[in-house]
Amino acid sequence: MSLIAPMKIRTEADVQALDQKIQAELGIDIKKYRDEETVDTLSSLITFPIYALNWTMRPVVIAFILFIAGFWVVDLVHAQFVLYGTLGLILFLLSGLFAGFLYLTLRFQTDLRQLATYSLTVLKGIVADVDQLNTMAKNTNRAAVLQLLFLGITHIITIPVASSIIGNKVPFVGSIVSGMVKRVLTRMSNLFRFNNLKLANATIEAGDEGKILPYYLASVTSFHNIIDKTLGVAMKVVQWPLGIVLGGLLLITWLFIWLIN
């Protein structure tokens, strides 16, 4: 498989294939960069787990208060009290929970940007460490080499470590939140393209000898803008489904109250 060929990562099998491809074509074992220092750094970058439970539960508490208020606002008689007290409670709490998840996605975008930026920092270290890249990465494939390494770092280091950290730090809903983070970072990595950077200037600054490290350094000023754009698009893979489910729950809740009122 050529380095130039695009590679999208969707499953664990894709990650394994990516790891094998990097080792076979570049001779680099990404996993050796997943050391204790990297784990500690990623852990310090992820700050939202400290507040995640509060941000998620706050809408749930508000929904529960509205549910309680409904006993005085909604005109209930006899069996309607039981129906509202059971089905109504479920609908209100589910609506609050999904509202909390949606609110949380708006708050952790800064952390995800830092994780993506750190992936680029690790990429710089790998490029600096491996001298063979300077000779094998010609003008025609330097962007492809960087792209392949960035995918490897994101899926072999950043996503597994971040998911584990979030799962351990966030009580009760940690697995759900880490799953959302994984989906966003996966989508972002598949969208991020080094050939979208202003690499024409980078080529001039790096020279014609095929060196990839100067090429990388000359391109780094464009990274943050590309990350912000791709991360904004990637967030939709989590926010849209949550918004649709939340909208559906709110509609069902409104219809339910209308029918029993």
Protein backbone atom coordinates (compact mmCIF):
# COMPACT_ATOMS: atom_id res chain seq x y z
CA MET A 1 0.00 0.00 0.00
CA SER A 2 1.46 3.34 -1.03
CA LEU A 3 2.13 6.11 1.45
CA ILE A 4 0.20 8.44 -0.81
CA ALA A 5 -2.96 6.35 -0.54
CA PRO A 6 -5.45 7.91 1.92
CA MET A 7 -6.24 5.86 5.01
CA LYS A 8 -9.29 6.37 7.18
CA ILE A 9 -9.43 4.82 10.63
CA ARG A 10 -12.78 3.51 11.87
CA THR A 11 -12.20 0.25 13.74
CA GLU A 12 -9.59 -1.38 15.96
CA ALA A 13 -8.57 -3.52 12.99
CA ASP A 14 -7.84 -0.31 11.06
CA VAL A 15 -5.60 0.86 13.91
CA GLN A 16 -3.65 -2.41 13.84
CA ALA A 17 -3.30 -2.15 10.07
CA LEU A 18 -2.09 1.44 10.47
CA ASP A 19 0.52 0.38 13.03
CA GLN A 20 1.80 -2.36 10.71
CA LYS A 21 1.89 0.04 7.77
CA ILE A 22 3.98 2.60 9.66
CA GLN A 23 6.42 -0.07 10.83
CA ALA A 24 6.67 -1.63 7.37
CA GLU A 25 7.01 1.57 5.31
CA LEU A 26 8.73 3.92 7.76
CA GLY A 27 10.40 1.54 10.18
CA ILE A 28 8.93 3.36 13.18
CA ASP A 29 7.31 1.77 16.22
CA ILE A 30 4.84 4.41 17.43
CA LYS A 31 4.09 2.47 20.62
CA LYS A 32 7.55 3.13 22.06
CA TYR A 33 6.61 6.82 22.35
CA ARG A 34 3.70 5.89 24.61
CA ASP A 35 5.77 6.19 27.78
CA GLU A 36 5.05 7.37 31.31
CA GLU A 37 5.98 10.96 30.48
CA THR A 38 3.46 11.00 27.64
CA VAL A 39 0.72 9.62 29.89
CA ASP A 40 1.49 12.23 32.56
CA THR A 41 1.46 15.04 30.00
CA LEU A 42 -1.86 13.97 28.49
CA SER A 43 -3.33 13.61 31.97
CA SER A 44 -2.36 17.19 32.80
CA LEU A 45 -3.84 18.47 29.53
CA ILE A 46 -7.29 16.95 30.16
CA THR A 47 -8.96 19.24 32.69
CA PHE A 48 -12.67 18.82 31.99
CA PRO A 49 -13.07 15.48 33.87
CA ILE A 50 -12.76 17.46 37.11
CA TYR A 51 -15.99 19.25 36.27
CA ALA A 52 -17.63 16.70 33.95
CA LEU A 53 -19.98 15.23 36.54
CA ASN A 54 -21.19 18.68 37.61
CA TRP A 55 -21.67 19.82 34.02
CA THR A 56 -23.54 16.63 33.15
CA MET A 57 -25.67 16.42 36.29
CA ARG A 58 -26.65 20.10 36.45
CA PRO A 59 -29.23 19.79 33.63
CA VAL A 60 -30.47 16.55 35.23
CA VAL A 61 -31.10 18.37 38.53
CA ILE A 62 -32.91 21.17 36.68
CA ALA A 63 -35.04 18.60 34.83
CA PHE A 64 -35.91 16.91 38.13
CA ILE A 65 -36.97 20.26 39.66
CA LEU A 66 -39.19 20.91 36.63
CA PHE A 67 -40.65 17.42 37.02
CA ILE A 68 -41.52 18.09 40.68
CA ALA A 69 -43.03 21.46 39.74
CA GLY A 70 -45.22 19.66 37.24
CA PHE A 71 -47.28 18.10 40.05
CA TRP A 72 -48.59 21.61 40.80
CA VAL A 73 -48.63 22.98 37.23
CA VAL A 74 -50.17 20.04 35.38
CA ASP A 75 -53.81 19.22 36.12
CA LEU A 76 -53.54 15.63 37.40
CA VAL A 77 -56.23 13.40 38.82
CA HIS A 78 -56.25 9.80 40.12
CA ALA A 79 -54.22 7.46 37.88
CA GLN A 80 -52.61 10.40 36.12
CA PHE A 81 -50.52 11.01 39.24
CA VAL A 82 -49.04 7.52 38.94
CA LEU A 83 -48.53 7.82 35.18
CA TYR A 84 -46.84 11.20 35.49
CA GLY A 85 -44.80 10.06 38.49
CA THR A 86 -43.32 7.08 36.61
CA LEU A 87 -43.19 7.78 32.87
CA GLY A 88 -42.85 11.52 33.41
CA LEU A 89 -39.86 11.03 35.73
CA ILE A 90 -38.09 8.86 33.14
CA LEU A 91 -38.70 11.35 30.33
CA PHE A 92 -37.55 14.35 32.37
CA LEU A 93 -34.41 12.64 33.64
CA LEU A 94 -33.46 11.32 30.19
CA SER A 95 -33.97 14.77 28.71
CA GLY A 96 -31.78 16.28 31.42
CA LEU A 97 -29.08 13.65 30.93
CA PHE A 98 -28.83 14.18 27.17
CA ALA A 99 -28.89 17.94 27.68
CA GLY A 100 -25.98 17.46 30.08
CA PHE A 101 -24.00 15.42 27.56
CA LEU A 102 -24.63 18.04 24.88
CA TYR A 103 -23.53 20.82 27.23
CA LEU A 104 -20.41 18.82 28.11
CA THR A 105 -19.38 18.53 24.44
CA LEU A 106 -19.41 22.32 24.24
CA ARG A 107 -17.10 22.57 27.23
CA PHE A 108 -14.45 19.97 26.39
CA GLN A 109 -13.53 21.28 22.93
CA THR A 110 -10.58 23.21 24.42
CA ASP A 111 -9.17 20.02 25.91
CA LEU A 112 -9.54 18.17 22.62
CA ARG A 113 -7.66 20.95 20.84
CA GLN A 114 -4.82 20.56 23.34
CA LEU A 115 -4.76 16.80 22.77
CA ALA A 116 -4.55 17.30 19.01
CA THR A 117 -1.81 19.89 19.44
CA TYR A 118 0.11 17.51 21.69
CA SER A 119 -0.13 14.84 18.98
CA LEU A 120 1.65 17.27 16.69
CA THR A 121 4.31 17.83 19.38
CA VAL A 122 4.93 14.08 19.57
CA LEU A 123 5.07 14.04 15.77
CA LYS A 124 7.81 16.66 15.86
CA GLY A 125 9.78 14.51 18.30
CA ILE A 126 9.46 11.42 16.11
CA VAL A 127 10.50 13.31 13.00
CA ALA A 128 13.51 14.75 14.85
CA ASP A 129 14.50 11.31 16.23
CA VAL A 130 14.42 9.33 13.00
CA ASP A 131 17.15 10.45 10.62
CA GLN A 132 16.03 8.14 7.84
CA LEU A 133 12.95 10.27 7.31
CA ASN A 134 15.16 13.07 6.08
CA THR A 135 16.30 11.02 3.12
CA MET A 136 13.21 8.94 2.33
CA ALA A 137 10.65 11.74 2.49
CA LYS A 138 11.03 13.43 -0.87
CA ASN A 139 9.14 16.50 -2.02
CA THR A 140 6.41 14.31 -3.49
CA ASN A 141 5.50 12.43 -0.32
CA ARG A 142 6.52 14.49 2.71
CA ALA A 143 2.91 15.48 3.43
CA ALA A 144 1.90 11.80 3.15
CA VAL A 145 4.60 10.77 5.65
CA LEU A 146 3.48 13.42 8.13
CA GLN A 147 -0.16 12.41 7.59
CA LEU A 148 0.57 8.74 8.25
CA LEU A 149 2.58 9.49 11.39
CA PHE A 150 -0.07 11.87 12.71
CA LEU A 151 -2.72 9.16 12.28
CA GLY A 152 -0.50 6.69 14.09
CA ILE A 153 0.20 9.02 17.01
CA THR A 154 -3.47 9.94 17.37
CA HIS A 155 -4.79 6.38 17.28
CA ILE A 156 -1.96 4.48 18.96
CA ILE A 157 -1.04 7.03 21.64
CA THR A 158 -3.46 9.93 22.11
CA ILE A 159 -6.87 8.24 21.84
CA PRO A 160 -6.12 5.11 23.96
CA VAL A 161 -4.34 7.09 26.69
CA ALA A 162 -6.94 9.88 26.76
CA SER A 163 -9.81 7.38 26.84
CA SER A 164 -8.24 5.53 29.76
CA ILE A 165 -7.60 8.77 31.68
CA ILE A 166 -11.14 10.04 31.14
CA GLY A 167 -12.67 6.68 31.99
CA ASN A 168 -10.81 6.67 35.31
CA LYS A 169 -11.30 10.35 36.17
CA VAL A 170 -15.00 10.78 35.35
CA PRO A 171 -17.29 8.97 37.82
CA PHE A 172 -20.43 7.10 36.66
CA VAL A 173 -20.46 8.34 33.03
CA GLY A 174 -16.73 8.00 32.29
CA SER A 175 -17.13 5.28 29.65
CA ILE A 176 -19.76 7.32 27.80
CA VAL A 177 -17.66 10.49 27.87
CA SER A 178 -14.48 8.68 26.78
CA GLY A 179 -16.47 7.14 23.92
CA MET A 180 -17.55 10.61 22.79
CA VAL A 181 -13.97 11.89 22.96
CA LYS A 182 -12.76 8.89 20.94
CA ARG A 183 -15.36 9.54 18.23
CA VAL A 184 -14.44 13.20 17.95
CA LEU A 185 -10.68 12.59 17.82
CA THR A 186 -11.13 9.76 15.31
CA ARG A 187 -13.21 11.97 13.06
CA MET A 188 -10.75 14.85 13.44
CA SER A 189 -7.75 12.69 12.54
CA ASN A 190 -9.52 11.44 9.42
CA LEU A 191 -10.32 15.01 8.38
CA PHE A 192 -6.91 16.54 9.14
CA ARG A 193 -4.78 16.83 6.01
CA PHE A 194 -1.22 18.09 5.89
CA ASN A 195 -1.59 18.90 2.22
CA ASN A 196 -4.16 21.52 3.23
CA LEU A 197 -1.43 23.49 4.98
CA LYS A 198 0.53 26.19 3.20
CA LEU A 199 3.22 23.76 2.18
CA ALA A 200 4.42 25.70 -0.84
CA ASN A 201 6.18 28.16 1.46
CA ALA A 202 7.35 25.30 3.66
CA THR A 203 8.99 23.64 0.65
CA ILE A 204 10.91 26.80 -0.15
CA GLU A 205 12.02 27.32 3.46
CA ALA A 206 12.98 23.68 3.90
CA GLY A 207 15.08 23.63 0.76
CA ASP A 208 15.23 21.09 -2.03
CA GLU A 209 17.30 18.43 -0.30
CA GLY A 210 14.20 16.51 0.84
CA LYS A 211 14.61 17.13 4.55
CA ILE A 212 11.35 16.55 6.39
CA LEU A 213 12.12 18.21 9.75
CA PRO A 214 12.62 21.73 8.34
CA TYR A 215 9.54 21.09 6.22
CA TYR A 216 7.58 20.23 9.36
CA LEU A 217 8.86 23.24 11.28
CA ALA A 218 8.14 25.59 8.40
CA SER A 219 4.57 24.28 8.29
CA VAL A 220 3.78 24.38 12.00
CA THR A 221 2.36 27.91 12.00
CA SER A 222 -0.62 26.68 10.01
CA PHE A 223 -1.40 23.73 12.29
CA HIS A 224 -3.62 25.48 14.82
CA ASN A 225 -5.99 26.95 12.23
CA ILE A 226 -6.39 23.57 10.55
CA ILE A 227 -6.95 21.87 13.93
CA ASP A 228 -9.65 24.38 14.90
CA LYS A 229 -11.49 23.89 11.60
CA THR A 230 -11.31 20.10 11.58
CA LEU A 231 -12.14 19.83 15.28
CA GLY A 232 -15.21 22.04 14.79
CA VAL A 233 -16.45 19.73 12.04
CA ALA A 234 -15.54 16.59 14.00
CA MET A 235 -17.56 17.74 17.02
CA LYS A 236 -20.70 17.42 14.92
CA VAL A 237 -20.43 13.61 14.96
CA VAL A 238 -21.26 13.75 18.67
CA GLN A 239 -23.32 16.92 18.95
CA TRP A 240 -25.80 16.23 16.14
CA PRO A 241 -26.96 12.79 17.42
CA LEU A 242 -27.20 14.15 20.97
CA GLY A 243 -29.19 17.15 19.73
CA ILE A 244 -31.55 14.96 17.71
CA VAL A 245 -32.17 12.58 20.64
CA LEU A 246 -32.66 15.52 23.01
CA GLY A 247 -35.10 17.17 20.61
CA GLY A 248 -37.04 13.92 20.30
CA LEU A 249 -37.21 13.46 24.08
CA LEU A 250 -38.39 17.04 24.60
CA LEU A 251 -41.10 16.55 21.97
CA ILE A 252 -42.25 13.26 23.52
CA THR A 253 -42.25 14.85 26.98
CA TRP A 254 -44.34 17.78 25.76
CA LEU A 255 -46.82 15.42 24.03
CA PHE A 256 -47.01 13.28 27.16
CA ILE A 257 -47.84 16.27 29.39
CA TRP A 258 -50.34 17.57 26.83
CA LEU A 259 -52.13 14.20 26.70
CA ILE A 260 -52.48 13.74 30.46
CA ASN A 261 -53.24 17.37 31.25
